[in-house]
Full PDB file with SEQRES, HELIX, SHEET, SSBOND, CRYST1, ORIGX, SCALE, CONECT and MASTER records, all heavy atoms in Angstrom:
SEQRES   1 A   35  ALA PRO GLU PRO ASP PRO GLU GLU PRO VAL ALA ASP ILE          
SEQRES   2 A   35  GLY GLN GLU ALA ALA GLU PRO ALA ARG ASP ALA ALA MET          
SEQRES   3 A   35  ILE LYS PRO VAL GLU GLY ALA ILE ILE                          
CRYST1    1.000    1.000    1.000  90.00  90.00  90.00 P 1           1          
ORIGX1      1.000000  0.000000  0.000000        0.00000                         
ORIGX2      0.000000  1.000000  0.000000        0.00000                         
ORIGX3      0.000000  0.000000  1.000000        0.00000                         
SCALE1      1.000000  0.000000  0.000000        0.00000                         
SCALE2      0.000000  1.000000  0.000000        0.00000                         
SCALE3      0.000000  0.000000  1.000000        0.00000                         
ATOM      1  N   ALA A   1       0.844  -1.212  -0.009  1.00  0.00           N  
ATOM      2  CA  ALA A   1       0.027   0.012   0.004  1.00  0.00           C  
ATOM      3  C   ALA A   1       0.830   1.225  -0.035  1.00  0.00           C  
ATOM      4  O   ALA A   1       1.931   1.263   0.608  1.00  0.00           O  
ATOM      5  CB  ALA A   1      -0.879  -0.019   1.177  1.00  0.00           C  
ATOM      6  N   PRO A   2       0.407   2.313  -0.748  1.00  0.00           N  
ATOM      7  CA  PRO A   2       1.269   3.602  -0.769  1.00  0.00           C  
ATOM      8  C   PRO A   2       1.257   4.196   0.651  1.00  0.00           C  
ATOM      9  O   PRO A   2       0.312   4.082   1.427  1.00  0.00           O  
ATOM     10  CB  PRO A   2       0.481   4.453  -1.812  1.00  0.00           C  
ATOM     11  CG  PRO A   2      -0.851   3.939  -1.784  1.00  0.00           C  
ATOM     12  CD  PRO A   2      -0.800   2.460  -1.552  1.00  0.00           C  
ATOM     13  N   GLU A   3       2.348   4.914   0.870  1.00  0.00           N  
ATOM     14  CA  GLU A   3       2.517   5.588   2.186  1.00  0.00           C  
ATOM     15  C   GLU A   3       1.523   6.755   2.276  1.00  0.00           C  
ATOM     16  O   GLU A   3       1.422   7.547   1.240  1.00  0.00           O  
ATOM     17  CB  GLU A   3       3.943   6.170   2.336  1.00  0.00           C  
ATOM     18  CG  GLU A   3       4.949   5.055   2.553  1.00  0.00           C  
ATOM     19  CD  GLU A   3       4.792   4.405   3.950  1.00  0.00           C  
ATOM     20  OE1 GLU A   3       4.320   5.075   4.817  1.00  0.00           O  
ATOM     21  OE2 GLU A   3       5.151   3.213   4.081  1.00  0.00           O  
ATOM     22  N   PRO A   4       0.803   6.994   3.295  1.00  0.00           N  
ATOM     23  CA  PRO A   4      -0.033   8.125   3.462  1.00  0.00           C  
ATOM     24  C   PRO A   4       0.738   9.410   3.516  1.00  0.00           C  
ATOM     25  O   PRO A   4       1.889   9.461   3.956  1.00  0.00           O  
ATOM     26  CB  PRO A   4      -0.829   7.922   4.747  1.00  0.00           C  
ATOM     27  CG  PRO A   4       0.091   7.091   5.586  1.00  0.00           C  
ATOM     28  CD  PRO A   4       0.859   6.165   4.540  1.00  0.00           C  
ATOM     29  N   ASP A   5       0.128  10.518   3.013  1.00  0.00           N  
ATOM     30  CA  ASP A   5       0.735  11.815   2.972  1.00  0.00           C  
ATOM     31  C   ASP A   5       0.941  12.310   4.450  1.00  0.00           C  
ATOM     32  O   ASP A   5       0.029  12.097   5.251  1.00  0.00           O  
ATOM     33  CB  ASP A   5      -0.054  12.846   2.231  1.00  0.00           C  
ATOM     34  CG  ASP A   5      -0.181  12.538   0.786  1.00  0.00           C  
ATOM     35  OD1 ASP A   5       0.793  11.870   0.239  1.00  0.00           O  
ATOM     36  OD2 ASP A   5      -1.176  12.919   0.118  1.00  0.00           O  
ATOM     37  N   PRO A   6       2.057  12.856   4.748  1.00  0.00           N  
ATOM     38  CA  PRO A   6       2.234  13.295   6.191  1.00  0.00           C  
ATOM     39  C   PRO A   6       1.302  14.487   6.464  1.00  0.00           C  
ATOM     40  O   PRO A   6       0.938  15.241   5.631  1.00  0.00           O  
ATOM     41  CB  PRO A   6       3.692  13.878   6.233  1.00  0.00           C  
ATOM     42  CG  PRO A   6       4.031  14.095   4.770  1.00  0.00           C  
ATOM     43  CD  PRO A   6       3.256  13.160   3.930  1.00  0.00           C  
ATOM     44  N   GLU A   7       0.843  14.619   7.713  1.00  0.00           N  
ATOM     45  CA  GLU A   7      -0.011  15.692   8.055  1.00  0.00           C  
ATOM     46  C   GLU A   7       0.730  17.007   8.117  1.00  0.00           C  
ATOM     47  O   GLU A   7       1.878  17.114   8.320  1.00  0.00           O  
ATOM     48  CB  GLU A   7      -0.583  15.328   9.494  1.00  0.00           C  
ATOM     49  CG  GLU A   7      -1.558  14.169   9.504  1.00  0.00           C  
ATOM     50  CD  GLU A   7      -2.186  14.049  10.856  1.00  0.00           C  
ATOM     51  OE1 GLU A   7      -1.830  14.831  11.732  1.00  0.00           O  
ATOM     52  OE2 GLU A   7      -2.967  13.087  11.058  1.00  0.00           O  
ATOM     53  N   GLU A   8      -0.051  18.061   7.820  1.00  0.00           N  
ATOM     54  CA  GLU A   8       0.515  19.385   7.837  1.00  0.00           C  
ATOM     55  C   GLU A   8       0.834  19.767   9.274  1.00  0.00           C  
ATOM     56  O   GLU A   8       0.083  19.535  10.241  1.00  0.00           O  
ATOM     57  CB  GLU A   8      -0.572  20.412   7.338  1.00  0.00           C  
ATOM     58  CG  GLU A   8      -0.781  20.284   5.829  1.00  0.00           C  
ATOM     59  CD  GLU A   8       0.284  20.879   4.970  1.00  0.00           C  
ATOM     60  OE1 GLU A   8       1.190  21.571   5.586  1.00  0.00           O  
ATOM     61  OE2 GLU A   8       0.299  20.616   3.829  1.00  0.00           O  
ATOM     62  N   PRO A   9       2.050  20.276   9.545  1.00  0.00           N  
ATOM     63  CA  PRO A   9       2.331  20.718  10.911  1.00  0.00           C  
ATOM     64  C   PRO A   9       1.468  21.882  11.319  1.00  0.00           C  
ATOM     65  O   PRO A   9       0.968  22.648  10.521  1.00  0.00           O  
ATOM     66  CB  PRO A   9       3.862  21.246  10.811  1.00  0.00           C  
ATOM     67  CG  PRO A   9       4.018  21.604   9.323  1.00  0.00           C  
ATOM     68  CD  PRO A   9       3.135  20.652   8.546  1.00  0.00           C  
ATOM     69  N   VAL A  10       1.179  22.006  12.653  1.00  0.00           N  
ATOM     70  CA  VAL A  10       0.363  22.996  13.204  1.00  0.00           C  
ATOM     71  C   VAL A  10       1.188  23.904  14.035  1.00  0.00           C  
ATOM     72  O   VAL A  10       2.289  23.610  14.447  1.00  0.00           O  
ATOM     73  CB  VAL A  10      -0.816  22.428  14.005  1.00  0.00           C  
ATOM     74  CG1 VAL A  10      -1.752  21.547  13.108  1.00  0.00           C  
ATOM     75  CG2 VAL A  10      -0.318  21.560  15.150  1.00  0.00           C  
ATOM     76  N   ALA A  11       0.568  25.096  14.354  1.00  0.00           N  
ATOM     77  CA  ALA A  11       1.293  26.064  15.125  1.00  0.00           C  
ATOM     78  C   ALA A  11       1.472  25.636  16.516  1.00  0.00           C  
ATOM     79  O   ALA A  11       0.559  25.154  17.134  1.00  0.00           O  
ATOM     80  CB  ALA A  11       0.535  27.407  15.071  1.00  0.00           C  
ATOM     81  N   ASP A  12       2.644  25.909  17.121  1.00  0.00           N  
ATOM     82  CA  ASP A  12       2.961  25.639  18.484  1.00  0.00           C  
ATOM     83  C   ASP A  12       2.955  27.009  19.119  1.00  0.00           C  
ATOM     84  O   ASP A  12       3.363  28.032  18.590  1.00  0.00           O  
ATOM     85  CB  ASP A  12       4.311  24.966  18.651  1.00  0.00           C  
ATOM     86  CG  ASP A  12       4.258  23.570  18.136  1.00  0.00           C  
ATOM     87  OD1 ASP A  12       3.196  22.914  18.268  1.00  0.00           O  
ATOM     88  OD2 ASP A  12       5.295  23.079  17.661  1.00  0.00           O  
ATOM     89  N   ILE A  13       2.619  27.038  20.438  1.00  0.00           N  
ATOM     90  CA  ILE A  13       2.624  28.303  21.173  1.00  0.00           C  
ATOM     91  C   ILE A  13       4.040  28.909  21.225  1.00  0.00           C  
ATOM     92  O   ILE A  13       5.008  28.205  21.603  1.00  0.00           O  
ATOM     93  CB  ILE A  13       2.027  28.090  22.626  1.00  0.00           C  
ATOM     94  CG1 ILE A  13       0.667  27.457  22.509  1.00  0.00           C  
ATOM     95  CG2 ILE A  13       2.045  29.385  23.386  1.00  0.00           C  
ATOM     96  CD1 ILE A  13      -0.281  28.364  21.724  1.00  0.00           C  
ATOM     97  N   GLY A  14       4.168  30.173  20.854  1.00  0.00           N  
ATOM     98  CA  GLY A  14       5.438  30.741  20.933  1.00  0.00           C  
ATOM     99  C   GLY A  14       6.287  30.541  19.728  1.00  0.00           C  
ATOM    100  O   GLY A  14       7.392  31.029  19.584  1.00  0.00           O  
ATOM    101  N   GLN A  15       5.801  29.772  18.691  1.00  0.00           N  
ATOM    102  CA  GLN A  15       6.523  29.563  17.456  1.00  0.00           C  
ATOM    103  C   GLN A  15       5.725  30.038  16.283  1.00  0.00           C  
ATOM    104  O   GLN A  15       4.501  30.185  16.368  1.00  0.00           O  
ATOM    105  CB  GLN A  15       6.914  28.015  17.356  1.00  0.00           C  
ATOM    106  CG  GLN A  15       7.695  27.553  18.473  1.00  0.00           C  
ATOM    107  CD  GLN A  15       8.044  26.054  18.256  1.00  0.00           C  
ATOM    108  OE1 GLN A  15       7.713  25.490  17.234  1.00  0.00           O  
ATOM    109  NE2 GLN A  15       8.659  25.512  19.293  1.00  0.00           N  
ATOM    110  N   GLU A  16       6.384  30.256  15.217  1.00  0.00           N  
ATOM    111  CA  GLU A  16       5.675  30.629  13.940  1.00  0.00           C  
ATOM    112  C   GLU A  16       4.690  29.486  13.538  1.00  0.00           C  
ATOM    113  O   GLU A  16       5.080  28.296  13.567  1.00  0.00           O  
ATOM    114  CB  GLU A  16       6.684  30.857  12.837  1.00  0.00           C  
ATOM    115  CG  GLU A  16       7.460  32.159  13.026  1.00  0.00           C  
ATOM    116  CD  GLU A  16       6.565  33.443  12.865  1.00  0.00           C  
ATOM    117  OE1 GLU A  16       5.635  33.369  12.179  1.00  0.00           O  
ATOM    118  OE2 GLU A  16       6.856  34.398  13.630  1.00  0.00           O  
ATOM    119  N   ALA A  17       3.520  29.793  13.242  1.00  0.00           N  
ATOM    120  CA  ALA A  17       2.493  28.866  12.751  1.00  0.00           C  
ATOM    121  C   ALA A  17       2.769  28.509  11.293  1.00  0.00           C  
ATOM    122  O   ALA A  17       3.030  29.405  10.569  1.00  0.00           O  
ATOM    123  CB  ALA A  17       1.141  29.342  12.950  1.00  0.00           C  
ATOM    124  N   ALA A  18       2.615  27.238  11.016  1.00  0.00           N  
ATOM    125  CA  ALA A  18       2.688  26.913   9.643  1.00  0.00           C  
ATOM    126  C   ALA A  18       1.524  27.370   8.858  1.00  0.00           C  
ATOM    127  O   ALA A  18       0.444  27.620   9.369  1.00  0.00           O  
ATOM    128  CB  ALA A  18       2.829  25.415   9.448  1.00  0.00           C  
ATOM    129  N   GLU A  19       1.618  27.510   7.456  1.00  0.00           N  
ATOM    130  CA  GLU A  19       0.472  27.802   6.608  1.00  0.00           C  
ATOM    131  C   GLU A  19      -0.619  26.860   6.820  1.00  0.00           C  
ATOM    132  O   GLU A  19      -0.336  25.600   6.920  1.00  0.00           O  
ATOM    133  CB  GLU A  19       0.995  27.800   5.172  1.00  0.00           C  
ATOM    134  CG  GLU A  19       1.797  29.022   4.775  1.00  0.00           C  
ATOM    135  CD  GLU A  19       0.991  30.282   4.804  1.00  0.00           C  
ATOM    136  OE1 GLU A  19      -0.208  30.214   4.504  1.00  0.00           O  
ATOM    137  OE2 GLU A  19       1.596  31.368   5.075  1.00  0.00           O  
ATOM    138  N   PRO A  20      -1.865  27.268   6.923  1.00  0.00           N  
ATOM    139  CA  PRO A  20      -2.968  26.308   7.065  1.00  0.00           C  
ATOM    140  C   PRO A  20      -3.149  25.507   5.696  1.00  0.00           C  
ATOM    141  O   PRO A  20      -2.787  25.952   4.700  1.00  0.00           O  
ATOM    142  CB  PRO A  20      -4.186  27.305   7.338  1.00  0.00           C  
ATOM    143  CG  PRO A  20      -3.781  28.535   6.738  1.00  0.00           C  
ATOM    144  CD  PRO A  20      -2.263  28.700   6.858  1.00  0.00           C  
ATOM    145  N   ALA A  21      -3.745  24.364   5.949  1.00  0.00           N  
ATOM    146  CA  ALA A  21      -4.074  23.620   4.712  1.00  0.00           C  
ATOM    147  C   ALA A  21      -4.956  24.418   3.843  1.00  0.00           C  
ATOM    148  O   ALA A  21      -5.765  25.245   4.287  1.00  0.00           O  
ATOM    149  CB  ALA A  21      -4.788  22.377   5.143  1.00  0.00           C  
ATOM    150  N   ARG A  22      -4.861  24.114   2.477  1.00  0.00           N  
ATOM    151  CA  ARG A  22      -5.559  24.945   1.562  1.00  0.00           C  
ATOM    152  C   ARG A  22      -7.029  24.775   1.669  1.00  0.00           C  
ATOM    153  O   ARG A  22      -7.844  25.592   1.228  1.00  0.00           O  
ATOM    154  CB  ARG A  22      -5.085  24.575   0.106  1.00  0.00           C  
ATOM    155  CG  ARG A  22      -3.775  25.269  -0.287  1.00  0.00           C  
ATOM    156  CD  ARG A  22      -3.324  24.789  -1.648  1.00  0.00           C  
ATOM    157  NE  ARG A  22      -2.916  23.454  -1.680  1.00  0.00           N  
ATOM    158  CZ  ARG A  22      -2.423  22.784  -2.724  1.00  0.00           C  
ATOM    159  NH1 ARG A  22      -2.300  23.345  -3.844  1.00  0.00           N  
ATOM    160  NH2 ARG A  22      -1.993  21.524  -2.705  1.00  0.00           N  
ATOM    161  N   ASP A  23      -7.491  23.681   2.239  1.00  0.00           N  
ATOM    162  CA  ASP A  23      -8.934  23.485   2.467  1.00  0.00           C  
ATOM    163  C   ASP A  23      -9.380  23.867   3.825  1.00  0.00           C  
ATOM    164  O   ASP A  23     -10.510  23.523   4.298  1.00  0.00           O  
ATOM    165  CB  ASP A  23      -9.272  21.987   2.164  1.00  0.00           C  
ATOM    166  CG  ASP A  23      -8.558  21.078   3.155  1.00  0.00           C  
ATOM    167  OD1 ASP A  23      -7.651  21.505   3.766  1.00  0.00           O  
ATOM    168  OD2 ASP A  23      -8.897  19.856   3.132  1.00  0.00           O  
ATOM    169  N   ALA A  24      -8.515  24.583   4.643  1.00  0.00           N  
ATOM    170  CA  ALA A  24      -8.952  25.020   5.941  1.00  0.00           C  
ATOM    171  C   ALA A  24     -10.131  25.979   5.894  1.00  0.00           C  
ATOM    172  O   ALA A  24     -10.253  26.734   4.871  1.00  0.00           O  
ATOM    173  CB  ALA A  24      -7.814  25.689   6.699  1.00  0.00           C  
ATOM    174  N   ALA A  25     -10.993  25.977   6.859  1.00  0.00           N  
ATOM    175  CA  ALA A  25     -12.151  26.829   6.868  1.00  0.00           C  
ATOM    176  C   ALA A  25     -11.830  28.332   6.826  1.00  0.00           C  
ATOM    177  O   ALA A  25     -12.554  29.174   6.262  1.00  0.00           O  
ATOM    178  CB  ALA A  25     -13.071  26.527   8.000  1.00  0.00           C  
ATOM    179  N   MET A  26     -10.718  28.671   7.507  1.00  0.00           N  
ATOM    180  CA  MET A  26     -10.295  30.065   7.671  1.00  0.00           C  
ATOM    181  C   MET A  26      -8.770  30.161   7.438  1.00  0.00           C  
ATOM    182  O   MET A  26      -8.026  29.235   7.570  1.00  0.00           O  
ATOM    183  CB  MET A  26     -10.640  30.619   8.964  1.00  0.00           C  
ATOM    184  CG  MET A  26     -12.149  30.634   9.262  1.00  0.00           C  
ATOM    185  SD  MET A  26     -12.534  31.333  10.859  1.00  0.00           S  
ATOM    186  CE  MET A  26     -14.305  31.153  10.906  1.00  0.00           C  
ATOM    187  N   ILE A  27      -8.295  31.407   7.156  1.00  0.00           N  
ATOM    188  CA  ILE A  27      -6.919  31.735   7.201  1.00  0.00           C  
ATOM    189  C   ILE A  27      -6.572  32.643   8.344  1.00  0.00           C  
ATOM    190  O   ILE A  27      -7.461  33.191   9.022  1.00  0.00           O  
ATOM    191  CB  ILE A  27      -6.515  32.449   5.844  1.00  0.00           C  
ATOM    192  CG1 ILE A  27      -7.211  33.841   5.785  1.00  0.00           C  
ATOM    193  CG2 ILE A  27      -6.794  31.657   4.662  1.00  0.00           C  
ATOM    194  CD1 ILE A  27      -6.718  34.760   4.644  1.00  0.00           C  
ATOM    195  N   LYS A  28      -5.329  32.532   8.776  1.00  0.00           N  
ATOM    196  CA  LYS A  28      -4.879  33.476   9.854  1.00  0.00           C  
ATOM    197  C   LYS A  28      -5.038  34.885   9.454  1.00  0.00           C  
ATOM    198  O   LYS A  28      -4.550  35.236   8.383  1.00  0.00           O  
ATOM    199  CB  LYS A  28      -3.456  33.072  10.334  1.00  0.00           C  
ATOM    200  CG  LYS A  28      -3.338  31.833  11.098  1.00  0.00           C  
ATOM    201  CD  LYS A  28      -1.856  31.668  11.564  1.00  0.00           C  
ATOM    202  CE  LYS A  28      -1.476  32.675  12.580  1.00  0.00           C  
ATOM    203  NZ  LYS A  28      -0.084  32.485  13.008  1.00  0.00           N  
ATOM    204  N   PRO A  29      -5.579  35.723  10.267  1.00  0.00           N  
ATOM    205  CA  PRO A  29      -5.779  37.113   9.946  1.00  0.00           C  
ATOM    206  C   PRO A  29      -4.480  37.865   9.785  1.00  0.00           C  
ATOM    207  O   PRO A  29      -4.371  38.817   9.098  1.00  0.00           O  
ATOM    208  CB  PRO A  29      -6.659  37.659  11.044  1.00  0.00           C  
ATOM    209  CG  PRO A  29      -6.599  36.738  12.120  1.00  0.00           C  
ATOM    210  CD  PRO A  29      -6.351  35.438  11.583  1.00  0.00           C  
ATOM    211  N   VAL A  30      -3.445  37.478  10.609  1.00  0.00           N  
ATOM    212  CA  VAL A  30      -2.085  37.956  10.465  1.00  0.00           C  
ATOM    213  C   VAL A  30      -1.130  36.816  10.601  1.00  0.00           C  
ATOM    214  O   VAL A  30      -1.434  35.837  11.330  1.00  0.00           O  
ATOM    215  CB  VAL A  30      -1.740  39.081  11.488  1.00  0.00           C  
ATOM    216  CG1 VAL A  30      -2.573  40.332  11.222  1.00  0.00           C  
ATOM    217  CG2 VAL A  30      -1.931  38.578  12.904  1.00  0.00           C  
ATOM    218  N   GLU A  31       0.103  36.872  10.046  1.00  0.00           N  
ATOM    219  CA  GLU A  31       1.056  35.865  10.275  1.00  0.00           C  
ATOM    220  C   GLU A  31       1.939  36.306  11.488  1.00  0.00           C  
ATOM    221  O   GLU A  31       2.398  37.442  11.607  1.00  0.00           O  
ATOM    222  CB  GLU A  31       1.928  35.737   9.083  1.00  0.00           C  
ATOM    223  CG  GLU A  31       1.280  35.026   7.901  1.00  0.00           C  
ATOM    224  CD  GLU A  31       0.741  33.641   8.331  1.00  0.00           C  
ATOM    225  OE1 GLU A  31       1.491  32.927   9.092  1.00  0.00           O  
ATOM    226  OE2 GLU A  31      -0.393  33.276   7.877  1.00  0.00           O  
ATOM    227  N   GLY A  32       2.182  35.420  12.426  1.00  0.00           N  
ATOM    228  CA  GLY A  32       2.960  35.648  13.543  1.00  0.00           C  
ATOM    229  C   GLY A  32       2.858  34.586  14.607  1.00  0.00           C  
ATOM    230  O   GLY A  32       2.101  33.587  14.406  1.00  0.00           O  
ATOM    231  N   ALA A  33       3.619  34.712  15.680  1.00  0.00           N  
ATOM    232  CA  ALA A  33       3.595  33.654  16.714  1.00  0.00           C  
ATOM    233  C   ALA A  33       2.363  33.896  17.561  1.00  0.00           C  
ATOM    234  O   ALA A  33       1.926  34.973  17.842  1.00  0.00           O  
ATOM    235  CB  ALA A  33       4.918  33.809  17.626  1.00  0.00           C  
ATOM    236  N   ILE A  34       1.882  32.763  18.004  1.00  0.00           N  
ATOM    237  CA  ILE A  34       0.666  32.804  18.901  1.00  0.00           C  
ATOM    238  C   ILE A  34       1.201  32.981  20.315  1.00  0.00           C  
ATOM    239  O   ILE A  34       1.820  32.004  20.825  1.00  0.00           O  
ATOM    240  CB  ILE A  34      -0.206  31.508  18.796  1.00  0.00           C  
ATOM    241  CG1 ILE A  34      -0.658  31.392  17.347  1.00  0.00           C  
ATOM    242  CG2 ILE A  34      -1.390  31.545  19.796  1.00  0.00           C  
ATOM    243  CD1 ILE A  34      -1.477  30.152  17.144  1.00  0.00           C  
ATOM    244  N   ILE A  35       1.075  34.149  20.939  1.00  0.00           N  
ATOM    245  CA  ILE A  35       1.594  34.423  22.209  1.00  0.00           C  
ATOM    246  C   ILE A  35       0.626  34.106  23.381  1.00  0.00           C  
ATOM    247  O   ILE A  35       1.068  34.094  24.498  1.00  0.00           O  
ATOM    248  CB  ILE A  35       2.055  35.861  22.249  1.00  0.00           C  
ATOM    249  CG1 ILE A  35       0.926  36.860  22.094  1.00  0.00           C  
ATOM    250  CG2 ILE A  35       3.215  36.149  21.341  1.00  0.00           C  
ATOM    251  CD1 ILE A  35       1.217  38.286  22.264  1.00  0.00           C  
TER     252      ILE A  35                                                      
MASTER        0    0    0    0    0    0    0    6  251    1    0    3          
END                                                                             
């Protein structure tokens, strides 16, 4: 069986958040660390 696609990384507190998946319901209103 083919290997499944790896999951998109998600934002960690205090670190830069990765781009959301293209099918995400919303986009981040600004790019930056979640403080």
